[in-house]
Amino acid sequence: MPRKPKRKAPASPATRETSQEPYPSRASPSPAQCLAVRDSLLAFHGFPEEFAPFRLLRLSGRSPEDGSGGSPPPPSPTVLDGLVTTLLSQNTTETISRRAFASLKAAFPSWDQVVDEEGTRLEDAIRCGGLAATKAARIRAMLRGVRERRGKICLEYLRELSVDEVKRELSRFKGIGPKTVACVLMFYLQKDDFPVDTHVLRITKAMGWVPETASSEKAYMHLNNKIPDDLKFDLNCLIVTHGKLCQTCAKRIGGEKSKVPNAACPLASYYCVGEKVQQ
């Protein structure tokens, strides 16, 4: 009688965790490197005003013992507003995407109206943000899906879920990829996550934190595994800002034209050294 094949033992938690790390032999970035880069960029730029309201929201969630008292935080945007704003920001600037969002809200007082409208008013409302047809289809499909599953168009329940649960919920919808989910997690849910946009990908490659061949998806997995949670928000905002403004980085790694001419780059000592840098 033939022997039954042995059943494969389930992977241990450690094995599963390692399988989710695309570069298990890569030590960078270490917590010390992350802290040093954060401090260098903070000293150079100060904290970016663009992201300051989100930082206040994060600080408002801390206890008084954390020393976060002071002026009250700004009103927190709804999760749904944040998700739609993030969808509109794809392939355009922050300023233009916010203009498109304001136009959408002016045209449709409620999200149910967006779902039920059968014409091109949604496209027309967001046309200033570019890719209007694609974005309108994705927004309407997402809103319809939320209403069908939840009975109403609201995503506030996501605030009670874990990071992994939020990822599973939002990834159900077409056009909502890892970067969009990560932005919603970090900015609108005040969770510890590290989105990877073009600036983050280019600069972390230049510092040797991820390989030159890394995709944004693999870079996202690796950087989220390596960067300490308490540094993710500040470091992400500062790297994005630096990628937009630094002339040295613009010339070196193909970023946008500098708005800070003739300034020495605070990351110069980190480039092209990778894991040789010991902080």
C-alpha atoms as a PDB file:
ATOM      1  CA  MET A   1       0.000   0.000   0.000  1.00  0.00           C
ATOM      2  CA  PRO A   2       1.546   3.347  -1.056  1.00  0.00           C
ATOM      3  CA  ARG A   3       2.504   5.668   1.739  1.00  0.00           C
ATOM      4  CA  LYS A   4       0.641   8.910   2.084  1.00  0.00           C
ATOM      5  CA  PRO A   5       2.794  11.971   1.429  1.00  0.00           C
ATOM      6  CA  LYS A   6       3.744  13.841   4.555  1.00  0.00           C
ATOM      7  CA  ARG A   7       1.662  16.915   5.199  1.00  0.00           C
ATOM      8  CA  LYS A   8       3.713  20.091   5.092  1.00  0.00           C
ATOM      9  CA  ALA A   9       3.924  21.758   8.493  1.00  0.00           C
ATOM     10  CA  PRO A  10       2.455  25.264   8.659  1.00  0.00           C
ATOM     11  CA  ALA A  11       4.977  28.073   8.571  1.00  0.00           C
ATOM     12  CA  SER A  12       5.929  29.490  11.914  1.00  0.00           C
ATOM     13  CA  PRO A  13       5.264  33.182  12.549  1.00  0.00           C
ATOM     14  CA  ALA A  14       8.966  33.886  12.141  1.00  0.00           C
ATOM     15  CA  THR A  15       9.031  32.124   8.771  1.00  0.00           C
ATOM     16  CA  ARG A  16       5.959  33.986   7.529  1.00  0.00           C
ATOM     17  CA  GLU A  17       7.404  37.290   8.652  1.00  0.00           C
ATOM     18  CA  THR A  18      10.688  36.624   6.834  1.00  0.00           C
ATOM     19  CA  SER A  19       8.839  35.699   3.650  1.00  0.00           C
ATOM     20  CA  GLN A  20       7.233  39.159   3.656  1.00  0.00           C
ATOM     21  CA  GLU A  21      10.654  40.843   3.729  1.00  0.00           C
ATOM     22  CA  PRO A  22      11.926  41.186   0.131  1.00  0.00           C
ATOM     23  CA  TYR A  23      15.532  41.870   1.183  1.00  0.00           C
ATOM     24  CA  PRO A  24      16.193  39.770   4.308  1.00  0.00           C
ATOM     25  CA  SER A  25      19.975  40.156   4.075  1.00  0.00           C
ATOM     26  CA  ARG A  26      19.841  43.952   3.849  1.00  0.00           C
ATOM     27  CA  ALA A  27      20.494  45.580   7.225  1.00  0.00           C
ATOM     28  CA  SER A  28      19.875  49.189   6.170  1.00  0.00           C
ATOM     29  CA  PRO A  29      18.263  51.311   7.311  1.00  0.00           C
ATOM     30  CA  SER A  30      19.063  50.787  10.960  1.00  0.00           C
ATOM     31  CA  PRO A  31      17.077  52.682  13.610  1.00  0.00           C
ATOM     32  CA  ALA A  32      20.151  54.878  14.189  1.00  0.00           C
ATOM     33  CA  GLN A  33      20.384  55.722  10.484  1.00  0.00           C
ATOM     34  CA  CYS A  34      16.692  56.606  10.367  1.00  0.00           C
ATOM     35  CA  LEU A  35      17.045  58.889  13.367  1.00  0.00           C
ATOM     36  CA  ALA A  36      20.154  60.587  11.951  1.00  0.00           C
ATOM     37  CA  VAL A  37      18.500  61.258   8.584  1.00  0.00           C
ATOM     38  CA  ARG A  38      15.332  62.535  10.271  1.00  0.00           C
ATOM     39  CA  ASP A  39      17.342  64.910  12.458  1.00  0.00           C
ATOM     40  CA  SER A  40      19.462  66.144   9.520  1.00  0.00           C
ATOM     41  CA  LEU A  41      16.409  66.897   7.384  1.00  0.00           C
ATOM     42  CA  LEU A  42      14.532  68.485  10.285  1.00  0.00           C
ATOM     43  CA  ALA A  43      17.459  70.794  11.023  1.00  0.00           C
ATOM     44  CA  PHE A  44      17.706  71.702   7.330  1.00  0.00           C
ATOM     45  CA  HIS A  45      14.024  72.218   6.433  1.00  0.00           C
ATOM     46  CA  GLY A  46      12.172  72.508   9.720  1.00  0.00           C
ATOM     47  CA  PHE A  47       8.936  70.534   9.774  1.00  0.00           C
ATOM     48  CA  PRO A  48       7.050  71.104   6.481  1.00  0.00           C
ATOM     49  CA  GLU A  49       3.995  73.361   6.853  1.00  0.00           C
ATOM     50  CA  GLU A  50       2.160  71.230   4.277  1.00  0.00           C
ATOM     51  CA  PHE A  51       2.067  68.314   6.724  1.00  0.00           C
ATOM     52  CA  ALA A  52       1.811  70.268   9.993  1.00  0.00           C
ATOM     53  CA  PRO A  53      -1.982  69.805  10.437  1.00  0.00           C
ATOM     54  CA  PHE A  54      -1.590  66.033  10.199  1.00  0.00           C
ATOM     55  CA  ARG A  55       1.232  66.129  12.721  1.00  0.00           C
ATOM     56  CA  LEU A  56      -0.992  68.038  15.164  1.00  0.00           C
ATOM     57  CA  LEU A  57      -3.670  65.384  14.759  1.00  0.00           C
ATOM     58  CA  ARG A  58      -1.165  62.666  15.621  1.00  0.00           C
ATOM     59  CA  LEU A  59       0.132  64.565  18.640  1.00  0.00           C
ATOM     60  CA  SER A  60      -3.416  65.183  19.889  1.00  0.00           C
ATOM     61  CA  GLY A  61      -3.854  61.443  20.326  1.00  0.00           C
ATOM     62  CA  ARG A  62      -1.061  61.267  22.898  1.00  0.00           C
ATOM     63  CA  SER A  63      -1.522  61.498  26.618  1.00  0.00           C
ATOM     64  CA  PRO A  64      -0.663  64.702  28.570  1.00  0.00           C
ATOM     65  CA  GLU A  65       2.409  62.937  29.936  1.00  0.00           C
ATOM     66  CA  ASP A  66       3.861  62.997  26.405  1.00  0.00           C
ATOM     67  CA  GLY A  67       4.159  66.758  26.608  1.00  0.00           C
ATOM     68  CA  SER A  68       1.877  67.293  23.641  1.00  0.00           C
ATOM     69  CA  GLY A  69      -0.319  69.910  25.297  1.00  0.00           C
ATOM     70  CA  GLY A  70      -0.900  73.327  23.757  1.00  0.00           C
ATOM     71  CA  SER A  71      -3.224  74.638  21.094  1.00  0.00           C
ATOM     72  CA  PRO A  72      -6.110  72.315  20.135  1.00  0.00           C
ATOM     73  CA  PRO A  73      -5.615  70.212  16.981  1.00  0.00           C
ATOM     74  CA  PRO A  74      -7.407  71.066  13.721  1.00  0.00           C
ATOM     75  CA  PRO A  75     -10.665  69.220  12.944  1.00  0.00           C
ATOM     76  CA  SER A  76      -9.945  65.725  11.707  1.00  0.00           C
ATOM     77  CA  PRO A  77     -11.059  65.077   8.108  1.00  0.00           C
ATOM     78  CA  THR A  78     -13.290  62.060   7.618  1.00  0.00           C
ATOM     79  CA  VAL A  79     -11.598  58.894   6.415  1.00  0.00           C
ATOM     80  CA  LEU A  80     -13.707  58.971   3.263  1.00  0.00           C
ATOM     81  CA  ASP A  81     -12.747  62.565   2.472  1.00  0.00           C
ATOM     82  CA  GLY A  82      -9.121  61.561   2.958  1.00  0.00           C
ATOM     83  CA  LEU A  83      -9.402  58.560   0.664  1.00  0.00           C
ATOM     84  CA  VAL A  84     -11.075  60.552  -2.123  1.00  0.00           C
ATOM     85  CA  THR A  85      -8.503  63.346  -1.752  1.00  0.00           C
ATOM     86  CA  THR A  86      -5.726  60.776  -2.052  1.00  0.00           C
ATOM     87  CA  LEU A  87      -7.306  59.204  -5.137  1.00  0.00           C
ATOM     88  CA  LEU A  88      -7.533  62.631  -6.735  1.00  0.00           C
ATOM     89  CA  SER A  89      -3.850  63.287  -5.980  1.00  0.00           C
ATOM     90  CA  GLN A  90      -2.697  60.499  -8.297  1.00  0.00           C
ATOM     91  CA  ASN A  91      -0.530  61.890 -11.127  1.00  0.00           C
ATOM     92  CA  THR A  92      -0.925  65.497 -10.053  1.00  0.00           C
ATOM     93  CA  THR A  93       0.186  67.960  -7.378  1.00  0.00           C
ATOM     94  CA  GLU A  94      -1.235  68.401  -3.891  1.00  0.00           C
ATOM     95  CA  THR A  95      -2.535  71.882  -4.748  1.00  0.00           C
ATOM     96  CA  ILE A  96      -4.388  70.733  -7.859  1.00  0.00           C
ATOM     97  CA  SER A  97      -5.855  67.648  -6.188  1.00  0.00           C
ATOM     98  CA  ARG A  98      -7.255  69.742  -3.332  1.00  0.00           C
ATOM     99  CA  ARG A  99      -8.791  72.111  -5.871  1.00  0.00           C
ATOM    100  CA  ALA A 100     -10.433  69.132  -7.573  1.00  0.00           C
ATOM    101  CA  PHE A 101     -11.732  67.845  -4.229  1.00  0.00           C
ATOM    102  CA  ALA A 102     -13.216  71.260  -3.364  1.00  0.00           C
ATOM    103  CA  SER A 103     -14.915  71.337  -6.772  1.00  0.00           C
ATOM    104  CA  LEU A 104     -16.324  67.824  -6.206  1.00  0.00           C
ATOM    105  CA  LYS A 105     -17.754  68.727  -2.789  1.00  0.00           C
ATOM    106  CA  ALA A 106     -19.297  71.907  -4.176  1.00  0.00           C
ATOM    107  CA  ALA A 107     -21.011  69.962  -6.972  1.00  0.00           C
ATOM    108  CA  PHE A 108     -22.214  67.079  -4.758  1.00  0.00           C
ATOM    109  CA  PRO A 109     -23.351  67.881  -1.198  1.00  0.00           C
ATOM    110  CA  SER A 110     -23.591  64.157  -0.394  1.00  0.00           C
ATOM    111  CA  TRP A 111     -21.718  61.030  -1.449  1.00  0.00           C
ATOM    112  CA  ASP A 112     -25.009  59.306  -2.303  1.00  0.00           C
ATOM    113  CA  GLN A 113     -25.534  61.904  -5.007  1.00  0.00           C
ATOM    114  CA  VAL A 114     -22.180  60.966  -6.526  1.00  0.00           C
ATOM    115  CA  VAL A 115     -23.212  57.311  -6.721  1.00  0.00           C
ATOM    116  CA  ASP A 116     -26.713  57.965  -8.056  1.00  0.00           C
ATOM    117  CA  GLU A 117     -25.782  60.568 -10.678  1.00  0.00           C
ATOM    118  CA  GLU A 118     -25.621  58.976 -14.143  1.00  0.00           C
ATOM    119  CA  GLY A 119     -24.207  61.834 -16.202  1.00  0.00           C
ATOM    120  CA  THR A 120     -20.765  63.392 -16.433  1.00  0.00           C
ATOM    121  CA  ARG A 121     -21.076  65.912 -13.598  1.00  0.00           C
ATOM    122  CA  LEU A 122     -18.528  64.040 -11.503  1.00  0.00           C
ATOM    123  CA  GLU A 123     -15.999  64.032 -14.334  1.00  0.00           C
ATOM    124  CA  ASP A 124     -16.636  67.712 -14.964  1.00  0.00           C
ATOM    125  CA  ALA A 125     -16.210  68.558 -11.292  1.00  0.00           C
ATOM    126  CA  ILE A 126     -12.778  66.914 -11.017  1.00  0.00           C
ATOM    127  CA  ARG A 127     -11.502  67.653 -14.524  1.00  0.00           C
ATOM    128  CA  CYS A 128      -8.986  70.198 -13.237  1.00  0.00           C
ATOM    129  CA  GLY A 129      -7.141  67.340 -11.495  1.00  0.00           C
ATOM    130  CA  GLY A 130      -6.483  65.358 -14.681  1.00  0.00           C
ATOM    131  CA  LEU A 131      -7.457  61.798 -15.636  1.00  0.00           C
ATOM    132  CA  ALA A 132     -11.042  62.782 -14.870  1.00  0.00           C
ATOM    133  CA  ALA A 133     -12.746  59.789 -16.498  1.00  0.00           C
ATOM    134  CA  THR A 134     -10.520  57.222 -14.757  1.00  0.00           C
ATOM    135  CA  LYS A 135     -10.685  58.887 -11.348  1.00  0.00           C
ATOM    136  CA  ALA A 136     -14.440  59.443 -11.562  1.00  0.00           C
ATOM    137  CA  ALA A 137     -15.044  55.762 -12.375  1.00  0.00           C
ATOM    138  CA  ARG A 138     -12.850  54.641  -9.464  1.00  0.00           C
ATOM    139  CA  ILE A 139     -14.396  57.037  -6.969  1.00  0.00           C
ATOM    140  CA  ARG A 140     -17.960  56.112  -7.946  1.00  0.00           C
ATOM    141  CA  ALA A 141     -17.206  52.365  -7.896  1.00  0.00           C
ATOM    142  CA  MET A 142     -15.568  52.667  -4.472  1.00  0.00           C
ATOM    143  CA  LEU A 143     -18.482  54.667  -3.045  1.00  0.00           C
ATOM    144  CA  ARG A 144     -21.007  52.220  -4.482  1.00  0.00           C
ATOM    145  CA  GLY A 145     -19.059  49.289  -3.033  1.00  0.00           C
ATOM    146  CA  VAL A 146     -18.985  50.873   0.419  1.00  0.00           C
ATOM    147  CA  ARG A 147     -22.738  51.510   0.330  1.00  0.00           C
ATOM    148  CA  GLU A 148     -23.496  47.955  -0.790  1.00  0.00           C
ATOM    149  CA  ARG A 149     -21.319  46.401   1.898  1.00  0.00           C
ATOM    150  CA  ARG A 150     -22.018  48.769   4.798  1.00  0.00           C
ATOM    151  CA  GLY A 151     -25.503  50.097   4.049  1.00  0.00           C
ATOM    152  CA  LYS A 152     -24.234  53.675   4.043  1.00  0.00           C
ATOM    153  CA  ILE A 153     -21.303  55.577   2.580  1.00  0.00           C
ATOM    154  CA  CYS A 154     -18.997  55.994   5.555  1.00  0.00           C
ATOM    155  CA  LEU A 155     -15.513  54.693   6.377  1.00  0.00           C
ATOM    156  CA  GLU A 156     -15.191  55.851   9.975  1.00  0.00           C
ATOM    157  CA  TYR A 157     -15.306  52.219  11.116  1.00  0.00           C
ATOM    158  CA  LEU A 158     -11.760  51.862   9.760  1.00  0.00           C
ATOM    159  CA  ARG A 159     -10.494  53.861  12.749  1.00  0.00           C
ATOM    160  CA  GLU A 160     -11.172  50.852  14.965  1.00  0.00           C
ATOM    161  CA  LEU A 161      -9.269  48.371  12.774  1.00  0.00           C
ATOM    162  CA  SER A 162      -5.632  47.324  12.748  1.00  0.00           C
ATOM    163  CA  VAL A 163      -3.266  48.357   9.954  1.00  0.00           C
ATOM    164  CA  ASP A 164      -3.543  44.949   8.281  1.00  0.00           C
ATOM    165  CA  GLU A 165      -7.335  45.000   8.526  1.00  0.00           C
ATOM    166  CA  VAL A 166      -7.485  48.471   6.946  1.00  0.00           C
ATOM    167  CA  LYS A 167      -5.264  47.273   4.115  1.00  0.00           C
ATOM    168  CA  ARG A 168      -7.560  44.345   3.445  1.00  0.00           C
ATOM    169  CA  GLU A 169     -10.665  46.540   3.509  1.00  0.00           C
ATOM    170  CA  LEU A 170      -9.365  49.223   1.152  1.00  0.00           C
ATOM    171  CA  SER A 171      -7.567  46.855  -1.223  1.00  0.00           C
ATOM    172  CA  ARG A 172     -10.947  45.446  -2.257  1.00  0.00           C
ATOM    173  CA  PHE A 173     -11.489  48.465  -4.474  1.00  0.00           C
ATOM    174  CA  LYS A 174     -10.050  48.888  -7.967  1.00  0.00           C
ATOM    175  CA  GLY A 175      -7.518  51.681  -8.271  1.00  0.00           C
ATOM    176  CA  ILE A 176      -6.658  51.738  -4.571  1.00  0.00           C
ATOM    177  CA  GLY A 177      -3.094  50.454  -4.407  1.00  0.00           C
ATOM    178  CA  PRO A 178      -0.507  50.188  -1.616  1.00  0.00           C
ATOM    179  CA  LYS A 179       0.578  53.843  -1.828  1.00  0.00           C
ATOM    180  CA  THR A 180      -2.991  55.152  -1.575  1.00  0.00           C
ATOM    181  CA  VAL A 181      -3.740  52.837   1.356  1.00  0.00           C
ATOM    182  CA  ALA A 182      -0.500  53.843   3.101  1.00  0.00           C
ATOM    183  CA  CYS A 183      -1.315  57.554   2.712  1.00  0.00           C
ATOM    184  CA  VAL A 184      -4.784  57.029   4.197  1.00  0.00           C
ATOM    185  CA  LEU A 185      -3.259  55.070   7.080  1.00  0.00           C
ATOM    186  CA  MET A 186      -0.592  57.666   7.851  1.00  0.00           C
ATOM    187  CA  PHE A 187      -2.443  60.931   7.252  1.00  0.00           C
ATOM    188  CA  TYR A 188      -6.111  60.194   7.909  1.00  0.00           C
ATOM    189  CA  LEU A 189      -6.029  57.321  10.402  1.00  0.00           C
ATOM    190  CA  GLN A 190      -2.892  58.433  12.270  1.00  0.00           C
ATOM    191  CA  LYS A 191      -1.436  54.931  11.963  1.00  0.00           C
ATOM    192  CA  ASP A 192       2.273  54.126  11.706  1.00  0.00           C
ATOM    193  CA  ASP A 193       2.963  53.470   8.036  1.00  0.00           C
ATOM    194  CA  PHE A 194       5.509  54.642   5.465  1.00  0.00           C
ATOM    195  CA  PRO A 195       4.161  55.404   1.957  1.00  0.00           C
ATOM    196  CA  VAL A 196       6.618  55.204  -0.933  1.00  0.00           C
ATOM    197  CA  ASP A 197       6.222  57.840  -3.640  1.00  0.00           C
ATOM    198  CA  THR A 198       8.739  58.762  -6.350  1.00  0.00           C
ATOM    199  CA  HIS A 199      10.742  61.023  -4.015  1.00  0.00           C
ATOM    200  CA  VAL A 200      10.964  58.414  -1.263  1.00  0.00           C
ATOM    201  CA  LEU A 201      11.930  55.690  -3.732  1.00  0.00           C
ATOM    202  CA  ARG A 202      14.674  57.746  -5.381  1.00  0.00           C
ATOM    203  CA  ILE A 203      16.201  59.048  -2.184  1.00  0.00           C
ATOM    204  CA  THR A 204      16.142  55.719  -0.330  1.00  0.00           C
ATOM    205  CA  LYS A 205      17.778  54.083  -3.346  1.00  0.00           C
ATOM    206  CA  ALA A 206      20.467  56.781  -3.367  1.00  0.00           C
ATOM    207  CA  MET A 207      21.135  56.176   0.335  1.00  0.00           C
ATOM    208  CA  GLY A 208      21.376  52.433  -0.200  1.00  0.00           C
ATOM    209  CA  TRP A 209      18.365  51.695   1.998  1.00  0.00           C
ATOM    210  CA  VAL A 210      16.841  49.677  -0.841  1.00  0.00           C
ATOM    211  CA  PRO A 211      18.498  48.200  -3.950  1.00  0.00           C
ATOM    212  CA  GLU A 212      18.696  50.214  -7.160  1.00  0.00           C
ATOM    213  CA  THR A 213      16.392  47.659  -8.776  1.00  0.00           C
ATOM    214  CA  ALA A 214      13.733  47.849  -6.054  1.00  0.00           C
ATOM    215  CA  SER A 215      10.132  48.426  -7.110  1.00  0.00           C
ATOM    216  CA  SER A 216       7.970  50.772  -5.065  1.00  0.00           C
ATOM    217  CA  GLU A 217       6.063  47.745  -3.697  1.00  0.00           C
ATOM    218  CA  LYS A 218       9.199  45.965  -2.459  1.00  0.00           C
ATOM    219  CA  ALA A 219      10.665  49.205  -1.144  1.00  0.00           C
ATOM    220  CA  TYR A 220       7.433  49.782   0.784  1.00  0.00           C
ATOM    221  CA  MET A 221       7.636  46.352   2.407  1.00  0.00           C
ATOM    222  CA  HIS A 222      11.324  46.673   3.299  1.00  0.00           C
ATOM    223  CA  LEU A 223      11.168  50.233   4.624  1.00  0.00           C
ATOM    224  CA  ASN A 224       8.098  49.522   6.742  1.00  0.00           C
ATOM    225  CA  ASN A 225       9.896  46.552   8.274  1.00  0.00           C
ATOM    226  CA  LYS A 226      13.042  48.546   9.037  1.00  0.00           C
ATOM    227  CA  ILE A 227      11.978  52.075   9.982  1.00  0.00           C
ATOM    228  CA  PRO A 228      10.879  52.420  13.641  1.00  0.00           C
ATOM    229  CA  ASP A 229       7.193  53.293  13.987  1.00  0.00           C
ATOM    230  CA  ASP A 230       7.865  56.451  15.973  1.00  0.00           C
ATOM    231  CA  LEU A 231      10.017  57.853  13.141  1.00  0.00           C
ATOM    232  CA  LYS A 232       7.866  56.909  10.137  1.00  0.00           C
ATOM    233  CA  PHE A 233       5.642  59.979   9.951  1.00  0.00           C
ATOM    234  CA  ASP A 234       8.285  62.675  10.363  1.00  0.00           C
ATOM    235  CA  LEU A 235      10.830  60.874   8.208  1.00  0.00           C
ATOM    236  CA  ASN A 236       8.357  60.311   5.383  1.00  0.00           C
ATOM    237  CA  CYS A 237       7.156  63.929   5.322  1.00  0.00           C
ATOM    238  CA  LEU A 238      10.732  65.221   5.428  1.00  0.00           C
ATOM    239  CA  ILE A 239      12.011  62.945   2.644  1.00  0.00           C
ATOM    240  CA  VAL A 240       9.086  63.908   0.395  1.00  0.00           C
ATOM    241  CA  THR A 241       9.717  67.598   1.071  1.00  0.00           C
ATOM    242  CA  HIS A 242      13.449  67.216   0.517  1.00  0.00           C
ATOM    243  CA  GLY A 243      12.870  65.427  -2.773  1.00  0.00           C
ATOM    244  CA  LYS A 244      10.782  68.362  -3.977  1.00  0.00           C
ATOM    245  CA  LEU A 245      13.138  71.120  -2.864  1.00  0.00           C
ATOM    246  CA  CYS A 246      16.781  70.026  -2.877  1.00  0.00           C
ATOM    247  CA  GLN A 247      18.825  71.110  -5.902  1.00  0.00           C
ATOM    248  CA  THR A 248      21.568  68.577  -5.253  1.00  0.00           C
ATOM    249  CA  CYS A 249      19.072  65.713  -5.163  1.00  0.00           C
ATOM    250  CA  ALA A 250      17.277  67.062  -8.233  1.00  0.00           C
ATOM    251  CA  LYS A 251      20.510  66.920 -10.237  1.00  0.00           C
ATOM    252  CA  ARG A 252      21.651  63.669  -8.723  1.00  0.00           C
ATOM    253  CA  ILE A 253      18.510  61.539  -8.897  1.00  0.00           C
ATOM    254  CA  GLY A 254      16.245  63.299 -11.363  1.00  0.00           C
ATOM    255  CA  GLY A 255      13.886  65.055  -8.976  1.00  0.00           C
ATOM    256  CA  GLU A 256      11.963  68.281  -9.508  1.00  0.00           C
ATOM    257  CA  LYS A 257      13.686  71.603 -10.141  1.00  0.00           C
ATOM    258  CA  SER A 258      15.105  73.056  -6.940  1.00  0.00           C
ATOM    259  CA  LYS A 259      13.398  75.761  -4.925  1.00  0.00           C
ATOM    260  CA  VAL A 260      16.380  75.912  -2.538  1.00  0.00           C
ATOM    261  CA  PRO A 261      19.269  76.942  -4.831  1.00  0.00           C
ATOM    262  CA  ASN A 262      22.941  76.701  -3.825  1.00  0.00           C
ATOM    263  CA  ALA A 263      22.191  74.960  -0.536  1.00  0.00           C
ATOM    264  CA  ALA A 264      24.368  72.092   0.633  1.00  0.00           C
ATOM    265  CA  CYS A 265      22.422  68.854   0.713  1.00  0.00           C
ATOM    266  CA  PRO A 266      22.165  67.447   4.251  1.00  0.00           C
ATOM    267  CA  LEU A 267      21.996  63.922   2.814  1.00  0.00           C
ATOM    268  CA  ALA A 268      25.219  64.172   0.795  1.00  0.00           C
ATOM    269  CA  SER A 269      27.154  62.039   3.276  1.00  0.00           C
ATOM    270  CA  TYR A 270      24.524  59.280   3.101  1.00  0.00           C
ATOM    271  CA  TYR A 271      24.482  58.837  -0.669  1.00  0.00           C
ATOM    272  CA  CYS A 272      26.285  55.956  -2.356  1.00  0.00           C
ATOM    273  CA  VAL A 273      27.467  54.483   0.944  1.00  0.00           C
ATOM    274  CA  GLY A 274      24.541  52.252   1.852  1.00  0.00           C
ATOM    275  CA  GLU A 275      25.360  49.917   4.687  1.00  0.00           C
ATOM    276  CA  LYS A 276      28.917  51.274   5.048  1.00  0.00           C
ATOM    277  CA  VAL A 277      27.505  54.240   6.945  1.00  0.00           C
ATOM    278  CA  GLN A 278      27.635  53.490  10.630  1.00  0.00           C
ATOM    279  CA  GLN A 279      25.584  55.880  12.738  1.00  0.00           C
END
